[in-house]
Amino acid sequence: MNYHTLGKSSLKISEVSFGCMSLPAEDGGKLIRQAIDLGINYFDTADLYDKGANESLLGKALEGKREKVIIASKVGNQWREDGSGWDWNPRKEYILSAVEGSLQRLKTDYIDLYQLHGGTIEDPIDETIEAFERLKEQGKIRYYGISSIRPNVIREYIIRSNIVSVMMQYSLLDRRPEISCLPLLEKHNIGVLARGSVAKGLLINKPAAPYLSYTTEEVQRAKEAIAAVSGSKRLPSQSAVKYVLMHSAVTSAVVGIRMQEQLEEAVANVPRLNASEYEQLTAAVPVKDYTEHL
């Protein structure tokens, strides 16, 4: 496993990390402990997932191993009292209170990376930043970042805050970040945590279907290109992850893992894409016109 420093932080994280959202209640703890043994040290959850139970599952699995791992969680989606859904709440008061529940569920005194779980340009951004800065001062979090696919929101946090990371959707079938965000984030030494590398399975095992601005035919070409560069050297899922890791702005690919087979695929020592393979993929799936995002 390779490890990279996340942006301006001192966090050195595995280039393939564990997305905990779909972690099963039964075998989740076992998978987490196996992941640590196999070299994964970064685990990403959120208070939204399973109404906090996902954080609890992770916290229990990491008992006695806290010093070996980097824990990331997210805040901003507030569950309604009746459990019928959640509402967006980026207010300072809410963030300062929500972290206490996450710390308790995660069985830790601090969270390594606390992320705003979304965000809009209409948010009280300065107030949100104040909350994260306060938590840093209190030692309850070490660093903070945002999870967002909105370029206008990302740019505001680059200008106005001390974020060390941005989590965003990025794959061969979603190359928008290559134009709208990645160069700017790299310029400011803000690490990118890439999620969705297999594009909801469309790049590996699901039948081709329209995706974002791509037609069914274009999605099929992308899937075939992934299969072609994989050959006997990699599984398609591994090639999809290697694609996002080729961009120098990306620190880690956050892979959703819910079963043993996925974990083994994620940590397998397979070759990176060479220049020819990378060019083959980018030629098969050209970037669409995303000027509206700039």
C-alpha atoms as a PDB file:
ATOM      1  CA  MET A   1       0.000   0.000   0.000  1.00  0.00           C
ATOM      2  CA  ASN A   2       1.205   3.494  -0.831  1.00  0.00           C
ATOM      3  CA  TYR A   3       0.608   6.427   1.506  1.00  0.00           C
ATOM      4  CA  HIS A   4       0.332  10.136   0.737  1.00  0.00           C
ATOM      5  CA  THR A   5       0.107  13.282   2.840  1.00  0.00           C
ATOM      6  CA  LEU A   6      -3.353  14.829   2.707  1.00  0.00           C
ATOM      7  CA  GLY A   7      -2.952  18.396   1.507  1.00  0.00           C
ATOM      8  CA  LYS A   8      -1.424  20.781   4.032  1.00  0.00           C
ATOM      9  CA  SER A   9      -2.114  18.411   6.927  1.00  0.00           C
ATOM     10  CA  SER A  10       0.230  15.995   8.645  1.00  0.00           C
ATOM     11  CA  LEU A  11      -2.119  13.084   7.905  1.00  0.00           C
ATOM     12  CA  LYS A  12      -0.450  10.369   5.857  1.00  0.00           C
ATOM     13  CA  ILE A  13      -3.227   8.229   4.431  1.00  0.00           C
ATOM     14  CA  SER A  14      -3.449   5.075   2.340  1.00  0.00           C
ATOM     15  CA  GLU A  15      -4.048   5.792  -1.344  1.00  0.00           C
ATOM     16  CA  VAL A  16      -6.972   3.376  -1.238  1.00  0.00           C
ATOM     17  CA  SER A  17      -9.190   4.136   1.721  1.00  0.00           C
ATOM     18  CA  PHE A  18     -12.260   2.586   3.291  1.00  0.00           C
ATOM     19  CA  GLY A  19     -15.655   4.156   2.637  1.00  0.00           C
ATOM     20  CA  CYS A  20     -17.848   2.889   5.444  1.00  0.00           C
ATOM     21  CA  MET A  21     -21.313   3.947   4.255  1.00  0.00           C
ATOM     22  CA  SER A  22     -22.402   0.464   3.119  1.00  0.00           C
ATOM     23  CA  LEU A  23     -20.616  -1.434   5.876  1.00  0.00           C
ATOM     24  CA  PRO A  24     -22.750  -4.410   7.008  1.00  0.00           C
ATOM     25  CA  ALA A  25     -23.713  -4.558  10.664  1.00  0.00           C
ATOM     26  CA  GLU A  26     -22.794  -8.236  10.995  1.00  0.00           C
ATOM     27  CA  ASP A  27     -19.333  -8.503   9.461  1.00  0.00           C
ATOM     28  CA  GLY A  28     -18.411  -4.824   9.366  1.00  0.00           C
ATOM     29  CA  GLY A  29     -16.082  -4.918  12.342  1.00  0.00           C
ATOM     30  CA  LYS A  30     -14.213  -7.888  10.958  1.00  0.00           C
ATOM     31  CA  LEU A  31     -13.779  -6.176   7.585  1.00  0.00           C
ATOM     32  CA  ILE A  32     -12.395  -3.039   9.241  1.00  0.00           C
ATOM     33  CA  ARG A  33      -9.856  -4.977  11.272  1.00  0.00           C
ATOM     34  CA  GLN A  34      -8.793  -6.948   8.199  1.00  0.00           C
ATOM     35  CA  ALA A  35      -8.424  -3.706   6.254  1.00  0.00           C
ATOM     36  CA  ILE A  36      -6.021  -2.367   8.874  1.00  0.00           C
ATOM     37  CA  ASP A  37      -3.954  -5.553   8.668  1.00  0.00           C
ATOM     38  CA  LEU A  38      -3.856  -5.161   4.873  1.00  0.00           C
ATOM     39  CA  GLY A  39      -2.567  -1.586   4.986  1.00  0.00           C
ATOM     40  CA  ILE A  40      -5.642   0.657   4.876  1.00  0.00           C
ATOM     41  CA  ASN A  41      -5.410   3.327   7.554  1.00  0.00           C
ATOM     42  CA  TYR A  42      -8.075   5.866   6.517  1.00  0.00           C
ATOM     43  CA  PHE A  43     -11.736   5.212   7.348  1.00  0.00           C
ATOM     44  CA  ASP A  44     -14.501   7.554   6.204  1.00  0.00           C
ATOM     45  CA  THR A  45     -17.954   7.706   7.785  1.00  0.00           C
ATOM     46  CA  ALA A  46     -20.645  10.300   8.560  1.00  0.00           C
ATOM     47  CA  ASP A  47     -23.199  10.965  11.263  1.00  0.00           C
ATOM     48  CA  LEU A  48     -25.853  10.695   8.534  1.00  0.00           C
ATOM     49  CA  TYR A  49     -25.122   7.052   7.724  1.00  0.00           C
ATOM     50  CA  ASP A  50     -27.627   4.734   9.352  1.00  0.00           C
ATOM     51  CA  LYS A  51     -28.591   7.522  11.777  1.00  0.00           C
ATOM     52  CA  GLY A  52     -25.204   7.358  13.490  1.00  0.00           C
ATOM     53  CA  ALA A  53     -25.031   3.576  13.741  1.00  0.00           C
ATOM     54  CA  ASN A  54     -22.288   3.526  11.103  1.00  0.00           C
ATOM     55  CA  GLU A  55     -20.078   5.669  13.327  1.00  0.00           C
ATOM     56  CA  SER A  56     -20.849   3.380  16.262  1.00  0.00           C
ATOM     57  CA  LEU A  57     -19.901   0.313  14.238  1.00  0.00           C
ATOM     58  CA  LEU A  58     -16.609   1.908  13.213  1.00  0.00           C
ATOM     59  CA  GLY A  59     -15.855   3.082  16.740  1.00  0.00           C
ATOM     60  CA  LYS A  60     -16.395  -0.370  18.198  1.00  0.00           C
ATOM     61  CA  ALA A  61     -14.264  -2.030  15.511  1.00  0.00           C
ATOM     62  CA  LEU A  62     -11.387   0.384  16.141  1.00  0.00           C
ATOM     63  CA  GLU A  63     -11.202  -0.137  19.895  1.00  0.00           C
ATOM     64  CA  GLY A  64      -7.570  -0.756  20.777  1.00  0.00           C
ATOM     65  CA  LYS A  65      -6.429   0.338  17.313  1.00  0.00           C
ATOM     66  CA  ARG A  66      -7.060   4.084  17.454  1.00  0.00           C
ATOM     67  CA  GLU A  67      -3.383   5.029  17.156  1.00  0.00           C
ATOM     68  CA  LYS A  68      -3.078   3.010  13.921  1.00  0.00           C
ATOM     69  CA  VAL A  69      -5.840   4.730  11.984  1.00  0.00           C
ATOM     70  CA  ILE A  70      -7.118   8.045  10.678  1.00  0.00           C
ATOM     71  CA  ILE A  71     -10.824   8.630  11.232  1.00  0.00           C
ATOM     72  CA  ALA A  72     -12.867  10.958   9.050  1.00  0.00           C
ATOM     73  CA  SER A  73     -16.495  11.830   9.628  1.00  0.00           C
ATOM     74  CA  LYS A  74     -18.962  14.370   8.277  1.00  0.00           C
ATOM     75  CA  VAL A  75     -21.547  16.785   9.600  1.00  0.00           C
ATOM     76  CA  GLY A  76     -24.304  19.034   8.263  1.00  0.00           C
ATOM     77  CA  ASN A  77     -27.275  16.744   7.703  1.00  0.00           C
ATOM     78  CA  GLN A  78     -29.520  16.829  10.753  1.00  0.00           C
ATOM     79  CA  TRP A  79     -31.938  13.971  11.298  1.00  0.00           C
ATOM     80  CA  ARG A  80     -35.489  15.013  12.165  1.00  0.00           C
ATOM     81  CA  GLU A  81     -36.750  13.954  15.577  1.00  0.00           C
ATOM     82  CA  ASP A  82     -39.324  11.613  14.039  1.00  0.00           C
ATOM     83  CA  GLY A  83     -36.639   9.934  11.893  1.00  0.00           C
ATOM     84  CA  SER A  84     -38.527  10.669   8.672  1.00  0.00           C
ATOM     85  CA  GLY A  85     -35.519  12.266   6.987  1.00  0.00           C
ATOM     86  CA  TRP A  86     -32.943  14.949   7.449  1.00  0.00           C
ATOM     87  CA  ASP A  87     -32.489  18.665   6.850  1.00  0.00           C
ATOM     88  CA  TRP A  88     -29.415  20.613   5.832  1.00  0.00           C
ATOM     89  CA  ASN A  89     -27.930  22.509   8.784  1.00  0.00           C
ATOM     90  CA  PRO A  90     -24.487  24.137   8.407  1.00  0.00           C
ATOM     91  CA  ARG A  91     -24.990  26.489  11.380  1.00  0.00           C
ATOM     92  CA  LYS A  92     -22.200  26.909  13.903  1.00  0.00           C
ATOM     93  CA  GLU A  93     -24.348  25.930  16.890  1.00  0.00           C
ATOM     94  CA  TYR A  94     -25.397  22.680  15.266  1.00  0.00           C
ATOM     95  CA  ILE A  95     -21.883  21.667  14.202  1.00  0.00           C
ATOM     96  CA  LEU A  96     -20.516  22.336  17.691  1.00  0.00           C
ATOM     97  CA  SER A  97     -23.202  20.130  19.210  1.00  0.00           C
ATOM     98  CA  ALA A  98     -23.209  17.388  16.553  1.00  0.00           C
ATOM     99  CA  VAL A  99     -19.519  16.646  16.985  1.00  0.00           C
ATOM    100  CA  GLU A 100     -20.167  15.502  20.552  1.00  0.00           C
ATOM    101  CA  GLY A 101     -22.398  12.690  19.331  1.00  0.00           C
ATOM    102  CA  SER A 102     -19.874  11.630  16.721  1.00  0.00           C
ATOM    103  CA  LEU A 103     -17.047  11.551  19.256  1.00  0.00           C
ATOM    104  CA  GLN A 104     -19.135   9.425  21.581  1.00  0.00           C
ATOM    105  CA  ARG A 105     -20.182   6.988  18.878  1.00  0.00           C
ATOM    106  CA  LEU A 106     -16.653   6.730  17.486  1.00  0.00           C
ATOM    107  CA  LYS A 107     -15.261   6.139  20.993  1.00  0.00           C
ATOM    108  CA  THR A 108     -12.537   8.727  20.542  1.00  0.00           C
ATOM    109  CA  ASP A 109     -11.471  12.075  21.973  1.00  0.00           C
ATOM    110  CA  TYR A 110     -10.769  13.566  18.560  1.00  0.00           C
ATOM    111  CA  ILE A 111     -11.632  13.168  14.886  1.00  0.00           C
ATOM    112  CA  ASP A 112      -8.707  13.413  12.487  1.00  0.00           C
ATOM    113  CA  LEU A 113     -10.694  14.930   9.618  1.00  0.00           C
ATOM    114  CA  TYR A 114     -14.135  16.483  10.108  1.00  0.00           C
ATOM    115  CA  GLN A 115     -15.907  17.345   6.862  1.00  0.00           C
ATOM    116  CA  LEU A 116     -18.888  19.466   5.947  1.00  0.00           C
ATOM    117  CA  HIS A 117     -21.230  16.955   4.310  1.00  0.00           C
ATOM    118  CA  GLY A 118     -22.391  19.073   1.373  1.00  0.00           C
ATOM    119  CA  GLY A 119     -22.885  22.800   1.141  1.00  0.00           C
ATOM    120  CA  THR A 120     -24.444  25.524  -0.988  1.00  0.00           C
ATOM    121  CA  ILE A 121     -23.318  29.003  -1.913  1.00  0.00           C
ATOM    122  CA  GLU A 122     -26.243  30.371   0.143  1.00  0.00           C
ATOM    123  CA  ASP A 123     -24.883  28.848   3.379  1.00  0.00           C
ATOM    124  CA  PRO A 124     -23.507  31.045   6.188  1.00  0.00           C
ATOM    125  CA  ILE A 125     -20.021  29.961   5.149  1.00  0.00           C
ATOM    126  CA  ASP A 126     -18.067  32.141   7.569  1.00  0.00           C
ATOM    127  CA  GLU A 127     -20.165  30.837  10.453  1.00  0.00           C
ATOM    128  CA  THR A 128     -19.521  27.250   9.343  1.00  0.00           C
ATOM    129  CA  ILE A 129     -15.791  27.916   9.175  1.00  0.00           C
ATOM    130  CA  GLU A 130     -15.872  29.457  12.659  1.00  0.00           C
ATOM    131  CA  ALA A 131     -17.343  26.222  13.991  1.00  0.00           C
ATOM    132  CA  PHE A 132     -14.588  24.086  12.501  1.00  0.00           C
ATOM    133  CA  GLU A 133     -11.885  26.465  13.700  1.00  0.00           C
ATOM    134  CA  ARG A 134     -13.359  26.392  17.204  1.00  0.00           C
ATOM    135  CA  LEU A 135     -13.305  22.591  17.205  1.00  0.00           C
ATOM    136  CA  LYS A 136      -9.655  22.648  16.158  1.00  0.00           C
ATOM    137  CA  GLU A 137      -8.826  25.000  19.022  1.00  0.00           C
ATOM    138  CA  GLN A 138     -10.622  22.685  21.423  1.00  0.00           C
ATOM    139  CA  GLY A 139      -8.686  19.673  20.148  1.00  0.00           C
ATOM    140  CA  LYS A 140     -11.861  17.831  19.156  1.00  0.00           C
ATOM    141  CA  ILE A 141     -10.789  17.691  15.517  1.00  0.00           C
ATOM    142  CA  ARG A 142      -7.325  17.852  13.983  1.00  0.00           C
ATOM    143  CA  TYR A 143      -8.280  19.137  10.525  1.00  0.00           C
ATOM    144  CA  TYR A 144     -11.374  19.914   8.502  1.00  0.00           C
ATOM    145  CA  GLY A 145     -12.483  19.687   4.904  1.00  0.00           C
ATOM    146  CA  ILE A 146     -15.628  19.600   2.797  1.00  0.00           C
ATOM    147  CA  SER A 147     -17.429  16.948   0.801  1.00  0.00           C
ATOM    148  CA  SER A 148     -18.790  18.714  -2.250  1.00  0.00           C
ATOM    149  CA  ILE A 149     -19.163  18.510  -6.023  1.00  0.00           C
ATOM    150  CA  ARG A 150     -20.064  22.199  -6.398  1.00  0.00           C
ATOM    151  CA  PRO A 151     -17.161  24.217  -7.866  1.00  0.00           C
ATOM    152  CA  ASN A 152     -18.544  27.542  -6.624  1.00  0.00           C
ATOM    153  CA  VAL A 153     -18.739  26.235  -3.038  1.00  0.00           C
ATOM    154  CA  ILE A 154     -15.301  24.649  -3.255  1.00  0.00           C
ATOM    155  CA  ARG A 155     -13.787  27.925  -4.462  1.00  0.00           C
ATOM    156  CA  GLU A 156     -15.284  29.841  -1.542  1.00  0.00           C
ATOM    157  CA  TYR A 157     -13.774  27.446   0.978  1.00  0.00           C
ATOM    158  CA  ILE A 158     -10.399  27.634  -0.765  1.00  0.00           C
ATOM    159  CA  ILE A 159     -10.473  31.411  -0.403  1.00  0.00           C
ATOM    160  CA  ARG A 160     -12.005  31.736   3.059  1.00  0.00           C
ATOM    161  CA  SER A 161     -10.955  28.704   5.101  1.00  0.00           C
ATOM    162  CA  ASN A 162      -8.138  26.390   6.119  1.00  0.00           C
ATOM    163  CA  ILE A 163      -9.577  23.221   4.588  1.00  0.00           C
ATOM    164  CA  VAL A 164      -7.010  20.500   3.928  1.00  0.00           C
ATOM    165  CA  SER A 165      -9.232  18.304   1.742  1.00  0.00           C
ATOM    166  CA  VAL A 166     -12.193  18.078  -0.573  1.00  0.00           C
ATOM    167  CA  MET A 167     -14.072  14.832  -1.094  1.00  0.00           C
ATOM    168  CA  MET A 168     -15.738  14.697  -4.485  1.00  0.00           C
ATOM    169  CA  GLN A 169     -17.155  12.336  -7.059  1.00  0.00           C
ATOM    170  CA  TYR A 170     -14.547  11.547  -9.711  1.00  0.00           C
ATOM    171  CA  SER A 171     -14.329   8.739 -12.252  1.00  0.00           C
ATOM    172  CA  LEU A 172     -13.734   8.045 -15.908  1.00  0.00           C
ATOM    173  CA  LEU A 173     -17.447   8.794 -16.384  1.00  0.00           C
ATOM    174  CA  ASP A 174     -17.344  11.981 -14.314  1.00  0.00           C
ATOM    175  CA  ARG A 175     -14.357  13.993 -15.449  1.00  0.00           C
ATOM    176  CA  ARG A 176     -15.832  17.360 -14.512  1.00  0.00           C
ATOM    177  CA  PRO A 177     -13.347  17.834 -11.655  1.00  0.00           C
ATOM    178  CA  GLU A 178     -10.434  17.715 -14.109  1.00  0.00           C
ATOM    179  CA  ILE A 179     -11.590  21.081 -15.447  1.00  0.00           C
ATOM    180  CA  SER A 180     -13.561  22.677 -12.640  1.00  0.00           C
ATOM    181  CA  CYS A 181     -11.615  21.866  -9.471  1.00  0.00           C
ATOM    182  CA  LEU A 182      -8.566  19.614  -9.516  1.00  0.00           C
ATOM    183  CA  PRO A 183      -5.995  22.110 -10.879  1.00  0.00           C
ATOM    184  CA  LEU A 184      -7.107  24.766  -8.390  1.00  0.00           C
ATOM    185  CA  LEU A 185      -7.050  22.372  -5.448  1.00  0.00           C
ATOM    186  CA  GLU A 186      -3.604  21.137  -6.409  1.00  0.00           C
ATOM    187  CA  LYS A 187      -2.352  24.723  -6.695  1.00  0.00           C
ATOM    188  CA  HIS A 188      -3.479  25.396  -3.116  1.00  0.00           C
ATOM    189  CA  ASN A 189      -2.192  22.060  -1.795  1.00  0.00           C
ATOM    190  CA  ILE A 190      -5.633  20.797  -0.816  1.00  0.00           C
ATOM    191  CA  GLY A 191      -5.918  17.022  -1.004  1.00  0.00           C
ATOM    192  CA  VAL A 192      -8.650  15.358  -3.038  1.00  0.00           C
ATOM    193  CA  LEU A 193     -10.503  12.325  -1.726  1.00  0.00           C
ATOM    194  CA  ALA A 194     -12.114  10.717  -4.772  1.00  0.00           C
ATOM    195  CA  ARG A 195     -15.326   8.741  -4.364  1.00  0.00           C
ATOM    196  CA  GLY A 196     -17.439   6.924  -6.928  1.00  0.00           C
ATOM    197  CA  SER A 197     -14.538   5.629  -9.015  1.00  0.00           C
ATOM    198  CA  VAL A 198     -16.620   2.813 -10.536  1.00  0.00           C
ATOM    199  CA  ALA A 199     -19.526   5.156 -11.409  1.00  0.00           C
ATOM    200  CA  LYS A 200     -22.208   3.184  -9.532  1.00  0.00           C
ATOM    201  CA  GLY A 201     -20.907  -0.035 -11.097  1.00  0.00           C
ATOM    202  CA  LEU A 202     -21.416   1.129 -14.686  1.00  0.00           C
ATOM    203  CA  LEU A 203     -17.690   0.837 -15.372  1.00  0.00           C
ATOM    204  CA  ILE A 204     -17.455  -2.739 -14.161  1.00  0.00           C
ATOM    205  CA  ASN A 205     -20.514  -4.979 -13.948  1.00  0.00           C
ATOM    206  CA  LYS A 206     -23.789  -3.109 -14.489  1.00  0.00           C
ATOM    207  CA  PRO A 207     -25.454  -2.877 -17.911  1.00  0.00           C
ATOM    208  CA  ALA A 208     -24.693   0.366 -19.724  1.00  0.00           C
ATOM    209  CA  ALA A 209     -27.203   3.149 -19.136  1.00  0.00           C
ATOM    210  CA  PRO A 210     -27.204   6.947 -19.449  1.00  0.00           C
ATOM    211  CA  TYR A 211     -25.008   8.593 -16.817  1.00  0.00           C
ATOM    212  CA  LEU A 212     -24.669  12.337 -16.287  1.00  0.00           C
ATOM    213  CA  SER A 213     -24.134  13.768 -19.794  1.00  0.00           C
ATOM    214  CA  TYR A 214     -23.086  10.445 -21.322  1.00  0.00           C
ATOM    215  CA  THR A 215     -25.355   8.312 -23.482  1.00  0.00           C
ATOM    216  CA  THR A 216     -25.768   4.564 -23.107  1.00  0.00           C
ATOM    217  CA  GLU A 217     -23.411   4.064 -26.057  1.00  0.00           C
ATOM    218  CA  GLU A 218     -20.752   6.296 -24.508  1.00  0.00           C
ATOM    219  CA  VAL A 219     -21.034   4.495 -21.174  1.00  0.00           C
ATOM    220  CA  GLN A 220     -20.606   1.185 -22.981  1.00  0.00           C
ATOM    221  CA  ARG A 221     -17.440   2.476 -24.675  1.00  0.00           C
ATOM    222  CA  ALA A 222     -16.079   3.527 -21.299  1.00  0.00           C
ATOM    223  CA  LYS A 223     -16.806   0.098 -19.837  1.00  0.00           C
ATOM    224  CA  GLU A 224     -15.105  -1.596 -22.797  1.00  0.00           C
ATOM    225  CA  ALA A 225     -12.085   0.690 -22.489  1.00  0.00           C
ATOM    226  CA  ILE A 226     -11.729  -0.198 -18.803  1.00  0.00           C
ATOM    227  CA  ALA A 227     -11.920  -3.899 -19.672  1.00  0.00           C
ATOM    228  CA  ALA A 228      -9.342  -3.484 -22.448  1.00  0.00           C
ATOM    229  CA  VAL A 229      -6.695  -1.817 -20.276  1.00  0.00           C
ATOM    230  CA  SER A 230      -7.364  -4.313 -17.487  1.00  0.00           C
ATOM    231  CA  GLY A 231      -6.541  -7.393 -19.524  1.00  0.00           C
ATOM    232  CA  SER A 232      -5.036 -10.010 -17.266  1.00  0.00           C
ATOM    233  CA  LYS A 233      -3.187  -7.452 -15.141  1.00  0.00           C
ATOM    234  CA  ARG A 234      -6.099  -5.992 -13.209  1.00  0.00           C
ATOM    235  CA  LEU A 235      -9.773  -6.369 -12.542  1.00  0.00           C
ATOM    236  CA  PRO A 236     -11.956  -3.616 -14.072  1.00  0.00           C
ATOM    237  CA  SER A 237     -12.670  -2.236 -10.611  1.00  0.00           C
ATOM    238  CA  GLN A 238      -8.947  -1.921  -9.994  1.00  0.00           C
ATOM    239  CA  SER A 239      -8.387  -0.133 -13.295  1.00  0.00           C
ATOM    240  CA  ALA A 240     -11.188   2.307 -12.474  1.00  0.00           C
ATOM    241  CA  VAL A 241      -9.517   3.140  -9.157  1.00  0.00           C
ATOM    242  CA  LYS A 242      -6.086   3.413 -10.788  1.00  0.00           C
ATOM    243  CA  TYR A 243      -7.549   5.921 -13.242  1.00  0.00           C
ATOM    244  CA  VAL A 244      -8.514   8.407 -10.532  1.00  0.00           C
ATOM    245  CA  LEU A 245      -5.206   7.884  -8.746  1.00  0.00           C
ATOM    246  CA  MET A 246      -3.350   8.939 -11.893  1.00  0.00           C
ATOM    247  CA  HIS A 247      -4.287  12.559 -11.286  1.00  0.00           C
ATOM    248  CA  SER A 248      -1.676  14.241  -9.119  1.00  0.00           C
ATOM    249  CA  ALA A 249      -4.318  16.174  -7.159  1.00  0.00           C
ATOM    250  CA  VAL A 250      -5.889  12.974  -5.820  1.00  0.00           C
ATOM    251  CA  THR A 251      -4.565  11.789  -2.472  1.00  0.00           C
ATOM    252  CA  SER A 252      -6.766   8.740  -2.010  1.00  0.00           C
ATOM    253  CA  ALA A 253      -9.580   6.828  -3.685  1.00  0.00           C
ATOM    254  CA  VAL A 254     -12.330   6.221  -1.144  1.00  0.00           C
ATOM    255  CA  VAL A 255     -13.752   2.810  -1.995  1.00  0.00           C
ATOM    256  CA  GLY A 256     -17.085   1.637  -0.632  1.00  0.00           C
ATOM    257  CA  ILE A 257     -16.435  -1.782   0.892  1.00  0.00           C
ATOM    258  CA  ARG A 258     -19.132  -4.101   2.191  1.00  0.00           C
ATOM    259  CA  MET A 259     -17.717  -7.587   1.577  1.00  0.00           C
ATOM    260  CA  GLN A 260     -14.477  -9.541   1.749  1.00  0.00           C
ATOM    261  CA  GLU A 261     -14.071  -9.767  -2.018  1.00  0.00           C
ATOM    262  CA  GLN A 262     -14.209  -5.982  -2.428  1.00  0.00           C
ATOM    263  CA  LEU A 263     -11.602  -5.496   0.284  1.00  0.00           C
ATOM    264  CA  GLU A 264      -9.222  -7.961  -1.348  1.00  0.00           C
ATOM    265  CA  GLU A 265      -9.674  -6.278  -4.733  1.00  0.00           C
ATOM    266  CA  ALA A 266      -9.051  -2.848  -3.216  1.00  0.00           C
ATOM    267  CA  VAL A 267      -5.763  -3.725  -1.531  1.00  0.00           C
ATOM    268  CA  ALA A 268      -4.330  -6.070  -4.185  1.00  0.00           C
ATOM    269  CA  ASN A 269      -0.899  -5.110  -5.456  1.00  0.00           C
ATOM    270  CA  VAL A 270      -1.634  -4.516  -9.136  1.00  0.00           C
ATOM    271  CA  PRO A 271       0.276  -2.268 -11.557  1.00  0.00           C
ATOM    272  CA  ARG A 272      -0.664   1.350 -12.045  1.00  0.00           C
ATOM    273  CA  LEU A 273      -1.848   2.493 -15.449  1.00  0.00           C
ATOM    274  CA  ASN A 274       0.962   3.297 -17.828  1.00  0.00           C
ATOM    275  CA  ALA A 275       0.874   6.369 -20.058  1.00  0.00           C
ATOM    276  CA  SER A 276      -0.507   4.435 -23.011  1.00  0.00           C
ATOM    277  CA  GLU A 277      -3.331   2.885 -20.979  1.00  0.00           C
ATOM    278  CA  TYR A 278      -4.238   6.244 -19.466  1.00  0.00           C
ATOM    279  CA  GLU A 279      -4.369   7.860 -22.892  1.00  0.00           C
ATOM    280  CA  GLN A 280      -6.522   4.980 -24.136  1.00  0.00           C
ATOM    281  CA  LEU A 281      -9.066   5.656 -21.406  1.00  0.00           C
ATOM    282  CA  THR A 282      -9.159   9.431 -21.795  1.00  0.00           C
ATOM    283  CA  ALA A 283      -9.551   9.065 -25.558  1.00  0.00           C
ATOM    284  CA  ALA A 284     -12.470   6.676 -25.124  1.00  0.00           C
ATOM    285  CA  VAL A 285     -14.330   9.047 -22.792  1.00  0.00           C
ATOM    286  CA  PRO A 286     -13.600  12.669 -23.706  1.00  0.00           C
ATOM    287  CA  VAL A 287     -14.454  15.432 -21.284  1.00  0.00           C
ATOM    288  CA  LYS A 288     -17.771  17.055 -22.133  1.00  0.00           C
ATOM    289  CA  ASP A 289     -18.218  20.812 -22.289  1.00  0.00           C
ATOM    290  CA  TYR A 290     -18.366  21.814 -18.642  1.00  0.00           C
ATOM    291  CA  THR A 291     -17.900  25.557 -19.058  1.00  0.00           C
ATOM    292  CA  GLU A 292     -21.060  26.141 -17.027  1.00  0.00           C
ATOM    293  CA  HIS A 293     -19.206  24.854 -13.969  1.00  0.00           C
ATOM    294  CA  LEU A 294     -16.266  27.265 -14.241  1.00  0.00           C
END
